[in-house]
C-alpha atoms as a PDB file:
ATOM      1  CA  MET A   1      28.476 -42.869  14.412  1.00  0.00           C
ATOM      2  CA  SER A   2      25.711 -44.565  12.158  1.00  0.00           C
ATOM      3  CA  GLU A   3      25.210 -43.950   8.719  1.00  0.00           C
ATOM      4  CA  ARG A   4      22.249 -41.669   9.330  1.00  0.00           C
ATOM      5  CA  GLY A   5      23.777 -39.768  11.988  1.00  0.00           C
ATOM      6  CA  SER A   6      26.637 -39.055   9.817  1.00  0.00           C
ATOM      7  CA  GLY A   7      24.830 -37.772   6.643  1.00  0.00           C
ATOM      8  CA  GLU A   8      22.602 -35.516   8.763  1.00  0.00           C
ATOM      9  CA  ALA A   9      26.146 -34.087  10.431  1.00  0.00           C
ATOM     10  CA  SER A  10      27.771 -33.855   6.714  1.00  0.00           C
ATOM     11  CA  ALA A  11      24.417 -31.954   5.350  1.00  0.00           C
ATOM     12  CA  ARG A  12      24.442 -29.272   8.386  1.00  0.00           C
ATOM     13  CA  HIS A  13      28.077 -28.932   8.280  1.00  0.00           C
ATOM     14  CA  SER A  14      27.574 -28.081   4.400  1.00  0.00           C
ATOM     15  CA  VAL A  15      24.366 -25.683   4.973  1.00  0.00           C
ATOM     16  CA  LEU A  16      26.703 -24.217   7.759  1.00  0.00           C
ATOM     17  CA  GLY A  17      29.480 -24.194   5.512  1.00  0.00           C
ATOM     18  CA  GLN A  18      27.471 -22.320   2.647  1.00  0.00           C
ATOM     19  CA  ARG A  19      26.114 -19.559   4.806  1.00  0.00           C
ATOM     20  CA  ARG A  20      29.828 -18.608   6.058  1.00  0.00           C
ATOM     21  CA  ARG A  21      30.695 -18.429   2.646  1.00  0.00           C
ATOM     22  CA  VAL A  22      28.010 -16.167   1.408  1.00  0.00           C
ATOM     23  CA  ARG A  23      28.455 -14.078   4.524  1.00  0.00           C
ATOM     24  CA  SER A  24      31.768 -13.713   4.113  1.00  0.00           C
ATOM     25  CA  ALA A  25      31.654 -13.452   0.089  1.00  0.00           C
ATOM     26  CA  VAL A  26      28.696 -10.011   0.954  1.00  0.00           C
ATOM     27  CA  ARG A  27      30.991  -8.902   4.012  1.00  0.00           C
ATOM     28  CA  PHE A  28      34.192  -8.493   1.356  1.00  0.00           C
ATOM     29  CA  GLY A  29      32.337  -7.418  -1.350  1.00  0.00           C
ATOM     30  CA  VAL A  30      32.313 -10.078  -3.790  1.00  0.00           C
ATOM     31  CA  ALA A  31      29.607  -9.169  -6.397  1.00  0.00           C
ATOM     32  CA  ALA A  32      26.248 -10.901  -6.730  1.00  0.00           C
ATOM     33  CA  ALA A  33      26.807 -12.015  -9.338  1.00  0.00           C
ATOM     34  CA  THR A  34      29.364 -14.883  -8.265  1.00  0.00           C
ATOM     35  CA  LEU A  35      27.305 -16.097  -5.869  1.00  0.00           C
ATOM     36  CA  SER A  36      24.380 -18.619  -7.045  1.00  0.00           C
ATOM     37  CA  ALA A  37      20.578 -16.921  -7.493  1.00  0.00           C
ATOM     38  CA  ALA A  38      19.356 -19.716  -5.267  1.00  0.00           C
ATOM     39  CA  THR A  39      21.533 -19.383  -2.346  1.00  0.00           C
ATOM     40  CA  LEU A  40      20.993 -15.895  -2.296  1.00  0.00           C
ATOM     41  CA  THR A  41      17.306 -16.182  -2.817  1.00  0.00           C
ATOM     42  CA  SER A  42      16.974 -18.961   0.059  1.00  0.00           C
ATOM     43  CA  MET A  43      18.872 -16.000   2.521  1.00  0.00           C
ATOM     44  CA  GLY A  44      16.694 -13.202   1.651  1.00  0.00           C
ATOM     45  CA  VAL A  45      19.041 -11.428  -0.617  1.00  0.00           C
ATOM     46  CA  GLY A  46      17.865 -10.576  -4.432  1.00  0.00           C
ATOM     47  CA  VAL A  47      20.024 -11.101  -7.396  1.00  0.00           C
ATOM     48  CA  LEU A  48      19.833  -7.158  -7.874  1.00  0.00           C
ATOM     49  CA  GLY A  49      19.221  -5.930  -4.518  1.00  0.00           C
ATOM     50  CA  VAL A  50      18.164  -6.390  -1.071  1.00  0.00           C
ATOM     51  CA  GLY A  51      14.753  -8.428  -0.855  1.00  0.00           C
ATOM     52  CA  THR A  52      13.446 -11.169  -2.939  1.00  0.00           C
ATOM     53  CA  ALA A  53       9.918  -9.151  -3.293  1.00  0.00           C
ATOM     54  CA  GLY A  54       8.497  -9.481  -6.880  1.00  0.00           C
ATOM     55  CA  ALA A  55       6.954 -11.506  -9.429  1.00  0.00           C
ATOM     56  CA  LYS A  56       7.227 -15.010  -8.824  1.00  0.00           C
ATOM     57  CA  GLY A  57      10.218 -15.073  -6.675  1.00  0.00           C
ATOM     58  CA  VAL A  58      11.633 -13.268  -9.256  1.00  0.00           C
ATOM     59  CA  ALA A  59      14.351 -10.410  -7.386  1.00  0.00           C
ATOM     60  CA  ARG A  60      13.513  -7.149  -8.299  1.00  0.00           C
ATOM     61  CA  GLY A  61      16.524  -4.294  -9.049  1.00  0.00           C
ATOM     62  CA  PRO A  62      17.093  -1.491  -6.187  1.00  0.00           C
ATOM     63  CA  ALA A  63      14.849   1.239  -5.416  1.00  0.00           C
ATOM     64  CA  VAL A  64      15.427   4.404  -7.148  1.00  0.00           C
ATOM     65  CA  ALA A  65      14.872   7.501  -5.394  1.00  0.00           C
ATOM     66  CA  LYS A  66      13.811  10.703  -7.107  1.00  0.00           C
ATOM     67  CA  LEU A  67      14.807  13.795  -6.062  1.00  0.00           C
ATOM     68  CA  ALA A  68      12.165  16.651  -5.008  1.00  0.00           C
ATOM     69  CA  ARG A  69      12.071  19.214  -7.146  1.00  0.00           C
ATOM     70  CA  THR A  70      11.108  22.489  -5.634  1.00  0.00           C
ATOM     71  CA  VAL A  71       9.797  25.785  -8.238  1.00  0.00           C
ATOM     72  CA  SER A  72       8.425  28.866  -6.817  1.00  0.00           C
ATOM     73  CA  LEU A  73       4.895  29.453  -7.748  1.00  0.00           C
ATOM     74  CA  SER A  74       4.057  32.674  -9.098  1.00  0.00           C
ATOM     75  CA  GLU A  75       0.319  31.862 -10.756  1.00  0.00           C
ATOM     76  CA  SER A  76      -2.392  34.001 -11.813  1.00  0.00           C
ATOM     77  CA  GLY A  77      -5.876  33.046 -12.684  1.00  0.00           C
ATOM     78  CA  ARG A  78      -8.810  34.863 -14.204  1.00  0.00           C
ATOM     79  CA  LEU A  79     -12.175  33.028 -13.663  1.00  0.00           C
ATOM     80  CA  ARG A  80     -15.593  33.088 -14.698  1.00  0.00           C
ATOM     81  CA  LEU A  81     -18.746  32.189 -12.313  1.00  0.00           C
ATOM     82  CA  THR A  82     -19.668  28.582 -13.911  1.00  0.00           C
ATOM     83  CA  SER A  83     -22.550  28.324 -11.029  1.00  0.00           C
ATOM     84  CA  LYS A  84     -23.525  29.483  -7.634  1.00  0.00           C
ATOM     85  CA  LYS A  85     -25.437  27.256  -5.050  1.00  0.00           C
ATOM     86  CA  GLY A  86     -26.053  29.326  -2.246  1.00  0.00           C
ATOM     87  CA  PHE A  87     -22.604  31.162  -0.922  1.00  0.00           C
ATOM     88  CA  THR A  88     -20.389  28.616  -2.670  1.00  0.00           C
ATOM     89  CA  LEU A  89     -19.454  30.325  -5.790  1.00  0.00           C
ATOM     90  CA  ASN A  90     -17.808  27.702  -8.793  1.00  0.00           C
ATOM     91  CA  GLU A  91     -15.144  29.225 -11.009  1.00  0.00           C
ATOM     92  CA  ARG A  92     -13.206  27.927 -13.791  1.00  0.00           C
ATOM     93  CA  GLY A  93     -11.237  29.752 -16.238  1.00  0.00           C
ATOM     94  CA  SER A  94      -7.225  29.339 -17.218  1.00  0.00           C
ATOM     95  CA  ALA A  95      -3.668  30.164 -14.685  1.00  0.00           C
ATOM     96  CA  SER A  96      -0.584  31.074 -16.046  1.00  0.00           C
ATOM     97  CA  GLY A  97       3.097  31.617 -14.887  1.00  0.00           C
ATOM     98  CA  THR A  98       5.482  28.954 -13.606  1.00  0.00           C
ATOM     99  CA  ILE A  99       2.795  26.172 -14.054  1.00  0.00           C
ATOM    100  CA  THR A 100      -0.222  26.793 -17.129  1.00  0.00           C
ATOM    101  CA  GLY A 101      -3.642  25.023 -17.523  1.00  0.00           C
ATOM    102  CA  ALA A 102      -6.949  24.922 -16.542  1.00  0.00           C
ATOM    103  CA  ILE A 103      -7.879  26.032 -13.335  1.00  0.00           C
ATOM    104  CA  TYR A 104     -11.339  25.367 -11.011  1.00  0.00           C
ATOM    105  CA  ILE A 105     -12.113  27.162  -7.668  1.00  0.00           C
ATOM    106  CA  HIS A 106     -14.808  26.682  -5.270  1.00  0.00           C
ATOM    107  CA  LEU A 107     -15.242  29.516  -3.131  1.00  0.00           C
ATOM    108  CA  HIS A 108     -16.933  29.088  -0.169  1.00  0.00           C
ATOM    109  CA  LEU A 109     -17.916  32.492   1.868  1.00  0.00           C
ATOM    110  CA  VAL A 110     -18.125  31.186   5.265  1.00  0.00           C
ATOM    111  CA  SER A 111     -19.024  34.531   6.693  1.00  0.00           C
ATOM    112  CA  SER A 112     -18.572  38.057   5.647  1.00  0.00           C
ATOM    113  CA  SER A 113     -14.751  37.819   6.881  1.00  0.00           C
ATOM    114  CA  LYS A 114     -13.971  34.886   5.897  1.00  0.00           C
ATOM    115  CA  VAL A 115     -13.618  32.539   2.814  1.00  0.00           C
ATOM    116  CA  THR A 116     -12.831  28.951   2.294  1.00  0.00           C
ATOM    117  CA  ALA A 117     -11.257  27.732  -1.111  1.00  0.00           C
ATOM    118  CA  GLU A 118     -10.687  24.356  -3.277  1.00  0.00           C
ATOM    119  CA  VAL A 119      -8.547  24.542  -5.797  1.00  0.00           C
ATOM    120  CA  ASN A 120      -7.557  22.447  -8.852  1.00  0.00           C
ATOM    121  CA  ILE A 121      -4.542  23.202 -11.856  1.00  0.00           C
ATOM    122  CA  TYR A 122      -4.738  20.951 -14.324  1.00  0.00           C
ATOM    123  CA  PRO A 123      -1.579  21.739 -16.576  1.00  0.00           C
ATOM    124  CA  ARG A 124      -0.730  19.215 -19.755  1.00  0.00           C
ATOM    125  CA  GLU A 125       1.252  16.699 -17.761  1.00  0.00           C
ATOM    126  CA  GLY A 126      -0.965  16.320 -14.461  1.00  0.00           C
ATOM    127  CA  SER A 127      -3.002  17.929 -11.717  1.00  0.00           C
ATOM    128  CA  LEU A 128      -2.707  19.755  -8.826  1.00  0.00           C
ATOM    129  CA  THR A 129      -5.618  20.145  -5.893  1.00  0.00           C
ATOM    130  CA  GLY A 130      -5.427  22.236  -2.502  1.00  0.00           C
ATOM    131  CA  SER A 131      -7.426  23.970  -0.232  1.00  0.00           C
ATOM    132  CA  GLY A 132      -7.087  27.255   1.784  1.00  0.00           C
ATOM    133  CA  SER A 133      -8.583  29.866   3.518  1.00  0.00           C
ATOM    134  CA  ALA A 134      -8.503  33.630   3.660  1.00  0.00           C
ATOM    135  CA  SER A 135      -9.730  36.977   4.617  1.00  0.00           C
ATOM    136  CA  TYR A 136     -12.603  38.498   3.105  1.00  0.00           C
ATOM    137  CA  HIS A 137     -13.553  42.294   2.672  1.00  0.00           C
ATOM    138  CA  VAL A 138     -16.105  43.967   0.292  1.00  0.00           C
ATOM    139  CA  VAL A 139     -14.379  46.966  -1.271  1.00  0.00           C
ATOM    140  CA  GLY A 140     -17.043  49.167  -3.572  1.00  0.00           C
ATOM    141  CA  GLY A 141     -17.778  47.088  -6.579  1.00  0.00           C
ATOM    142  CA  TYR A 142     -14.929  44.221  -5.582  1.00  0.00           C
ATOM    143  CA  ALA A 143     -14.549  42.016  -2.304  1.00  0.00           C
ATOM    144  CA  ALA A 144     -10.939  41.120  -1.946  1.00  0.00           C
ATOM    145  CA  PHE A 145      -9.530  38.300  -0.480  1.00  0.00           C
ATOM    146  CA  SER A 146      -6.006  37.265   1.326  1.00  0.00           C
ATOM    147  CA  GLY A 147      -4.397  34.010   2.917  1.00  0.00           C
ATOM    148  CA  THR A 148      -3.021  30.767   2.466  1.00  0.00           C
ATOM    149  CA  LEU A 149      -3.607  27.593   0.799  1.00  0.00           C
ATOM    150  CA  SER A 150      -1.773  24.161   0.707  1.00  0.00           C
ATOM    151  CA  ILE A 151      -1.211  22.162  -2.288  1.00  0.00           C
ATOM    152  CA  THR A 152      -2.375  18.108  -0.613  1.00  0.00           C
ATOM    153  CA  ARG A 153      -1.965  16.502  -3.858  1.00  0.00           C
ATOM    154  CA  GLY A 154      -1.747  15.967  -7.523  1.00  0.00           C
ATOM    155  CA  SER A 155      -1.566  13.448 -10.168  1.00  0.00           C
ATOM    156  CA  GLY A 156       1.220  12.537 -13.356  1.00  0.00           C
ATOM    157  CA  LYS A 157       4.071  14.765 -13.412  1.00  0.00           C
ATOM    158  CA  TYR A 158       2.712  16.422  -9.658  1.00  0.00           C
ATOM    159  CA  ALA A 159       1.729  12.683  -8.087  1.00  0.00           C
ATOM    160  CA  ARG A 160       3.748  13.796  -4.951  1.00  0.00           C
ATOM    161  CA  ALA A 161       2.876  17.538  -5.419  1.00  0.00           C
ATOM    162  CA  ARG A 162       2.990  19.187  -1.849  1.00  0.00           C
ATOM    163  CA  ALA A 163       3.418  22.795  -0.621  1.00  0.00           C
ATOM    164  CA  SER A 164       2.072  24.935   2.450  1.00  0.00           C
ATOM    165  CA  SER A 165       1.434  27.935   3.508  1.00  0.00           C
ATOM    166  CA  LEU A 166       1.119  29.281  -0.415  1.00  0.00           C
ATOM    167  CA  ARG A 167       0.434  33.054  -0.489  1.00  0.00           C
ATOM    168  CA  PHE A 168      -3.190  33.151  -2.067  1.00  0.00           C
ATOM    169  CA  THR A 169      -4.959  36.381  -2.926  1.00  0.00           C
ATOM    170  CA  GLY A 170      -7.409  37.587  -4.849  1.00  0.00           C
ATOM    171  CA  THR A 171     -10.818  39.479  -5.557  1.00  0.00           C
ATOM    172  CA  ILE A 172     -14.331  38.713  -6.988  1.00  0.00           C
ATOM    173  CA  GLN A 173     -15.990  41.200  -9.255  1.00  0.00           C
ATOM    174  CA  ARG A 174     -19.432  41.963  -7.361  1.00  0.00           C
ATOM    175  CA  ARG A 175     -21.380  42.476 -10.739  1.00  0.00           C
ATOM    176  CA  ASP A 176     -20.655  39.301 -12.513  1.00  0.00           C
ATOM    177  CA  ASP A 177     -19.138  37.028  -9.684  1.00  0.00           C
ATOM    178  CA  SER A 178     -16.143  36.343 -11.810  1.00  0.00           C
ATOM    179  CA  VAL A 179     -12.461  36.150 -10.013  1.00  0.00           C
ATOM    180  CA  SER A 180      -8.883  37.062 -10.272  1.00  0.00           C
ATOM    181  CA  VAL A 181      -6.329  35.029  -8.348  1.00  0.00           C
ATOM    182  CA  GLN A 182      -2.875  34.828  -7.629  1.00  0.00           C
ATOM    183  CA  LEU A 183      -1.099  31.903  -6.172  1.00  0.00           C
ATOM    184  CA  SER A 184       2.662  32.041  -4.915  1.00  0.00           C
ATOM    185  CA  GLY A 185       5.076  30.105  -2.846  1.00  0.00           C
ATOM    186  CA  PRO A 186       7.274  27.297  -2.637  1.00  0.00           C
ATOM    187  CA  LEU A 187       6.121  24.252  -4.109  1.00  0.00           C
ATOM    188  CA  SER A 188       7.915  20.502  -4.332  1.00  0.00           C
ATOM    189  CA  TYR A 189       7.122  17.588  -6.615  1.00  0.00           C
END
């Protein structure tokens, strides 16, 4: 065999042996710190976790999953009309209960029996945004509505907020279009 062929065979043997040692070490639980970072990176295994994604080829640590927290919402809000355009009432006020903060509602009267709503709540550590619909009926000097609302997004502490079928009820005073609203049900964030 020529020197060249012998060198290539030796290099292949060395690489294959190194791969087998790495696989064996990983299989039998030898700590990644005892293996060279270059060897692990070349095989697609990061030093601090699986994968080599990171800035300039530096492996990042293992991903840490956050468990969702679920609270039982019980919110009340008193709002005042800020503007009115056609059949849409834009309201602003404060929410109190499980989560306190400023609340904005855009109520759109779809028909004499249905209202849709966009709701934004701004607690100190983020925001919550949702939409819903409710049945609507006039009772003397006020109109009452009752339906469901879903929280579809959030920010800050509530960035992963989600809720569906929250109970959404309230009244609209016909003399000044002020709104009282209640929102209840489970919220995960």
